[in-house]
Amino acid sequence: SGLEASARGIPVVASDVGGIRQWLEPEVNGLLVPANEPRALAAALTRLLSDGALCDRLGREGRRRYLARNRPEHHDAA
C-alpha cells in the first residue's frame, strides 16, 4: 500500500522490512522506522501530523518517483 499512497502523493511511513528500501528513501519520499518499534512508528506519525511542509515535500517526491519508475506501462514494456 506504500506505493499506492505514493502514487496519490500521500506521504508514507513504513517499517524497515522486506523490500521497502527498494522504493522508499528515508527523508526523501517517506519516513522509515525500525520494525517492531511502535514508539518509533508513533514518533514518525506525530512528526508528519505536526509538519505540513514535510508532508507536502515527502508526498510530492513520492508521487514524482512513482510516476518516473512504477507506472504500469514501464512494466509492460519489459
N, C-alpha and C. Protein backbone atom coordinates (compact mmCIF):
# COMPACT_ATOMS: atom_id res chain seq x y z
N SER A 1 0.81 -1.20 0.00
CA SER A 1 0.00 0.00 0.00
C SER A 1 0.85 1.26 0.00
N GLY A 2 2.14 1.13 0.31
CA GLY A 2 3.01 2.30 0.29
C GLY A 2 3.16 2.91 -1.08
N LEU A 3 3.33 2.06 -2.09
CA LEU A 3 3.43 2.58 -3.46
C LEU A 3 2.12 3.22 -3.91
N GLU A 4 1.00 2.64 -3.49
CA GLU A 4 -0.30 3.23 -3.85
C GLU A 4 -0.45 4.60 -3.21
N ALA A 5 -0.02 4.73 -1.96
CA ALA A 5 -0.06 6.04 -1.31
C ALA A 5 0.83 7.03 -2.04
N SER A 6 2.03 6.60 -2.39
CA SER A 6 2.95 7.47 -3.12
C SER A 6 2.34 7.91 -4.44
N ALA A 7 1.66 7.01 -5.12
CA ALA A 7 1.04 7.35 -6.40
C ALA A 7 0.05 8.50 -6.24
N ARG A 8 -0.56 8.61 -5.08
CA ARG A 8 -1.53 9.67 -4.81
C ARG A 8 -0.93 10.88 -4.12
N GLY A 9 0.40 10.86 -3.90
CA GLY A 9 1.05 11.98 -3.26
C GLY A 9 0.87 12.02 -1.75
N ILE A 10 0.56 10.87 -1.17
CA ILE A 10 0.38 10.78 0.28
C ILE A 10 1.71 10.34 0.89
N PRO A 11 2.21 11.06 1.89
CA PRO A 11 3.48 10.67 2.49
C PRO A 11 3.37 9.31 3.18
N VAL A 12 4.46 8.56 3.17
CA VAL A 12 4.47 7.19 3.67
C VAL A 12 5.37 7.08 4.89
N VAL A 13 4.90 6.34 5.88
CA VAL A 13 5.71 5.88 7.00
C VAL A 13 5.70 4.36 6.91
N ALA A 14 6.87 3.75 6.86
CA ALA A 14 6.95 2.30 6.71
C ALA A 14 8.00 1.71 7.63
N SER A 15 7.79 0.46 8.00
CA SER A 15 8.79 -0.28 8.77
C SER A 15 9.87 -0.80 7.84
N ASP A 16 11.07 -0.86 8.34
CA ASP A 16 12.22 -1.29 7.55
C ASP A 16 12.25 -2.82 7.47
N VAL A 17 11.39 -3.35 6.62
CA VAL A 17 11.30 -4.80 6.41
C VAL A 17 11.18 -5.09 4.92
N GLY A 18 11.51 -6.31 4.55
CA GLY A 18 11.32 -6.75 3.17
C GLY A 18 11.96 -5.82 2.16
N GLY A 19 11.21 -5.52 1.11
CA GLY A 19 11.72 -4.71 0.01
C GLY A 19 11.41 -3.23 0.10
N ILE A 20 11.05 -2.75 1.27
CA ILE A 20 10.66 -1.34 1.41
C ILE A 20 11.76 -0.41 0.90
N ARG A 21 13.00 -0.70 1.23
CA ARG A 21 14.10 0.19 0.80
C ARG A 21 14.31 0.20 -0.72
N GLN A 22 13.67 -0.70 -1.43
CA GLN A 22 13.77 -0.66 -2.89
C GLN A 22 13.06 0.55 -3.47
N TRP A 23 12.08 1.08 -2.76
CA TRP A 23 11.33 2.23 -3.28
C TRP A 23 11.26 3.40 -2.30
N LEU A 24 11.55 3.18 -1.02
CA LEU A 24 11.47 4.27 -0.04
C LEU A 24 12.87 4.71 0.35
N GLU A 25 13.17 5.97 0.09
CA GLU A 25 14.42 6.57 0.53
C GLU A 25 14.10 7.46 1.72
N PRO A 26 14.59 7.11 2.91
CA PRO A 26 14.23 7.85 4.12
C PRO A 26 14.51 9.35 4.01
N GLU A 27 13.53 10.11 4.45
CA GLU A 27 13.58 11.58 4.47
C GLU A 27 13.48 12.20 3.08
N VAL A 28 13.37 11.38 2.04
CA VAL A 28 13.25 11.89 0.68
C VAL A 28 11.83 11.68 0.16
N ASN A 29 11.35 10.43 0.22
CA ASN A 29 10.00 10.16 -0.24
C ASN A 29 9.18 9.41 0.82
N GLY A 30 9.65 9.43 2.04
CA GLY A 30 8.92 8.82 3.14
C GLY A 30 9.77 8.75 4.39
N LEU A 31 9.18 8.20 5.43
CA LEU A 31 9.89 8.00 6.68
C LEU A 31 9.98 6.51 6.95
N LEU A 32 11.15 6.07 7.38
CA LEU A 32 11.40 4.66 7.64
C LEU A 32 11.63 4.49 9.14
N VAL A 33 10.97 3.50 9.72
CA VAL A 33 11.14 3.23 11.15
C VAL A 33 11.58 1.78 11.32
N PRO A 34 12.29 1.49 12.41
CA PRO A 34 12.69 0.12 12.66
C PRO A 34 11.45 -0.78 12.85
N ALA A 35 11.58 -2.01 12.43
CA ALA A 35 10.48 -2.97 12.59
C ALA A 35 10.24 -3.26 14.06
N ASN A 36 8.99 -3.48 14.39
CA ASN A 36 8.59 -3.88 15.75
C ASN A 36 8.95 -2.84 16.81
N GLU A 37 8.91 -1.56 16.43
CA GLU A 37 9.17 -0.50 17.39
C GLU A 37 8.01 0.50 17.32
N PRO A 38 6.93 0.21 18.04
CA PRO A 38 5.75 1.06 17.97
C PRO A 38 6.00 2.50 18.38
N ARG A 39 6.93 2.74 19.29
CA ARG A 39 7.22 4.14 19.68
C ARG A 39 7.85 4.91 18.53
N ALA A 40 8.70 4.25 17.76
CA ALA A 40 9.30 4.90 16.60
C ALA A 40 8.23 5.20 15.56
N LEU A 41 7.30 4.27 15.37
CA LEU A 41 6.19 4.50 14.45
C LEU A 41 5.35 5.67 14.91
N ALA A 42 5.01 5.70 16.19
CA ALA A 42 4.21 6.80 16.73
C ALA A 42 4.94 8.13 16.56
N ALA A 43 6.23 8.15 16.80
CA ALA A 43 7.00 9.38 16.65
C ALA A 43 7.01 9.87 15.20
N ALA A 44 7.16 8.94 14.26
CA ALA A 44 7.16 9.32 12.84
C ALA A 44 5.80 9.86 12.42
N LEU A 45 4.74 9.21 12.86
CA LEU A 45 3.39 9.69 12.52
C LEU A 45 3.13 11.06 13.15
N THR A 46 3.53 11.24 14.39
CA THR A 46 3.38 12.54 15.05
C THR A 46 4.15 13.61 14.31
N ARG A 47 5.34 13.27 13.87
CA ARG A 47 6.16 14.22 13.11
C ARG A 47 5.44 14.67 11.83
N LEU A 48 4.88 13.71 11.11
CA LEU A 48 4.15 14.07 9.88
C LEU A 48 2.93 14.92 10.18
N LEU A 49 2.19 14.55 11.21
CA LEU A 49 0.97 15.28 11.55
C LEU A 49 1.25 16.71 12.02
N SER A 50 2.44 16.94 12.51
CA SER A 50 2.76 18.28 13.03
C SER A 50 3.59 19.12 12.07
N ASP A 51 3.94 18.58 10.92
CA ASP A 51 4.79 19.30 9.97
C ASP A 51 4.21 19.21 8.56
N GLY A 52 3.35 20.16 8.25
CA GLY A 52 2.69 20.16 6.94
C GLY A 52 3.66 20.28 5.78
N ALA A 53 4.74 21.05 5.96
CA ALA A 53 5.72 21.19 4.88
C ALA A 53 6.41 19.87 4.59
N LEU A 54 6.71 19.12 5.64
CA LEU A 54 7.33 17.80 5.45
C LEU A 54 6.37 16.87 4.73
N CYS A 55 5.12 16.87 5.14
CA CYS A 55 4.10 16.04 4.45
C CYS A 55 4.05 16.37 2.97
N ASP A 56 3.99 17.64 2.66
CA ASP A 56 3.92 18.07 1.26
C ASP A 56 5.14 17.62 0.49
N ARG A 57 6.33 17.85 1.06
CA ARG A 57 7.58 17.51 0.37
C ARG A 57 7.68 16.00 0.14
N LEU A 58 7.43 15.20 1.16
CA LEU A 58 7.52 13.75 1.00
C LEU A 58 6.47 13.23 0.03
N GLY A 59 5.26 13.77 0.11
CA GLY A 59 4.20 13.36 -0.79
C GLY A 59 4.50 13.69 -2.24
N ARG A 60 4.99 14.91 -2.48
CA ARG A 60 5.33 15.30 -3.85
C ARG A 60 6.44 14.43 -4.43
N GLU A 61 7.48 14.19 -3.63
CA GLU A 61 8.59 13.38 -4.13
C GLU A 61 8.17 11.93 -4.31
N GLY A 62 7.33 11.43 -3.43
CA GLY A 62 6.83 10.07 -3.61
C GLY A 62 6.06 9.93 -4.90
N ARG A 63 5.21 10.90 -5.20
CA ARG A 63 4.44 10.85 -6.46
C ARG A 63 5.37 10.98 -7.66
N ARG A 64 6.32 11.89 -7.58
CA ARG A 64 7.25 12.07 -8.70
C ARG A 64 8.00 10.76 -8.97
N ARG A 65 8.49 10.13 -7.93
CA ARG A 65 9.22 8.87 -8.12
C ARG A 65 8.31 7.76 -8.62
N TYR A 66 7.10 7.71 -8.12
CA TYR A 66 6.16 6.70 -8.60
C TYR A 66 5.95 6.86 -10.10
N LEU A 67 5.67 8.07 -10.53
CA LEU A 67 5.40 8.31 -11.95
C LEU A 67 6.63 8.01 -12.81
N ALA A 68 7.81 8.25 -12.26
CA ALA A 68 9.04 8.02 -13.02
C ALA A 68 9.43 6.55 -13.09
N ARG A 69 9.00 5.74 -12.10
CA ARG A 69 9.52 4.38 -12.01
C ARG A 69 8.48 3.26 -11.99
N ASN A 70 7.26 3.54 -11.64
CA ASN A 70 6.35 2.44 -11.30
C ASN A 70 5.04 2.41 -12.07
N ARG A 71 4.88 3.21 -13.06
CA ARG A 71 3.64 3.15 -13.80
C ARG A 71 3.54 1.82 -14.56
N PRO A 72 2.33 1.33 -14.76
CA PRO A 72 2.17 0.02 -15.44
C PRO A 72 2.87 -0.05 -16.79
N GLU A 73 2.86 1.01 -17.54
CA GLU A 73 3.49 0.93 -18.86
C GLU A 73 5.00 0.69 -18.79
N HIS A 74 5.64 1.05 -17.68
CA HIS A 74 7.06 0.73 -17.52
C HIS A 74 7.27 -0.78 -17.39
N HIS A 75 6.36 -1.45 -16.76
CA HIS A 75 6.46 -2.89 -16.57
C HIS A 75 6.03 -3.65 -17.83
N ASP A 76 5.07 -3.11 -18.54
CA ASP A 76 4.59 -3.76 -19.76
C ASP A 76 5.62 -3.74 -20.87
N ALA A 77 6.50 -2.74 -20.87
CA ALA A 77 7.48 -2.58 -21.93
C ALA A 77 8.60 -3.60 -21.82
N ALA A 78 8.78 -4.20 -20.67
CA ALA A 78 9.91 -5.14 -20.45
C ALA A 78 9.73 -6.44 -21.18
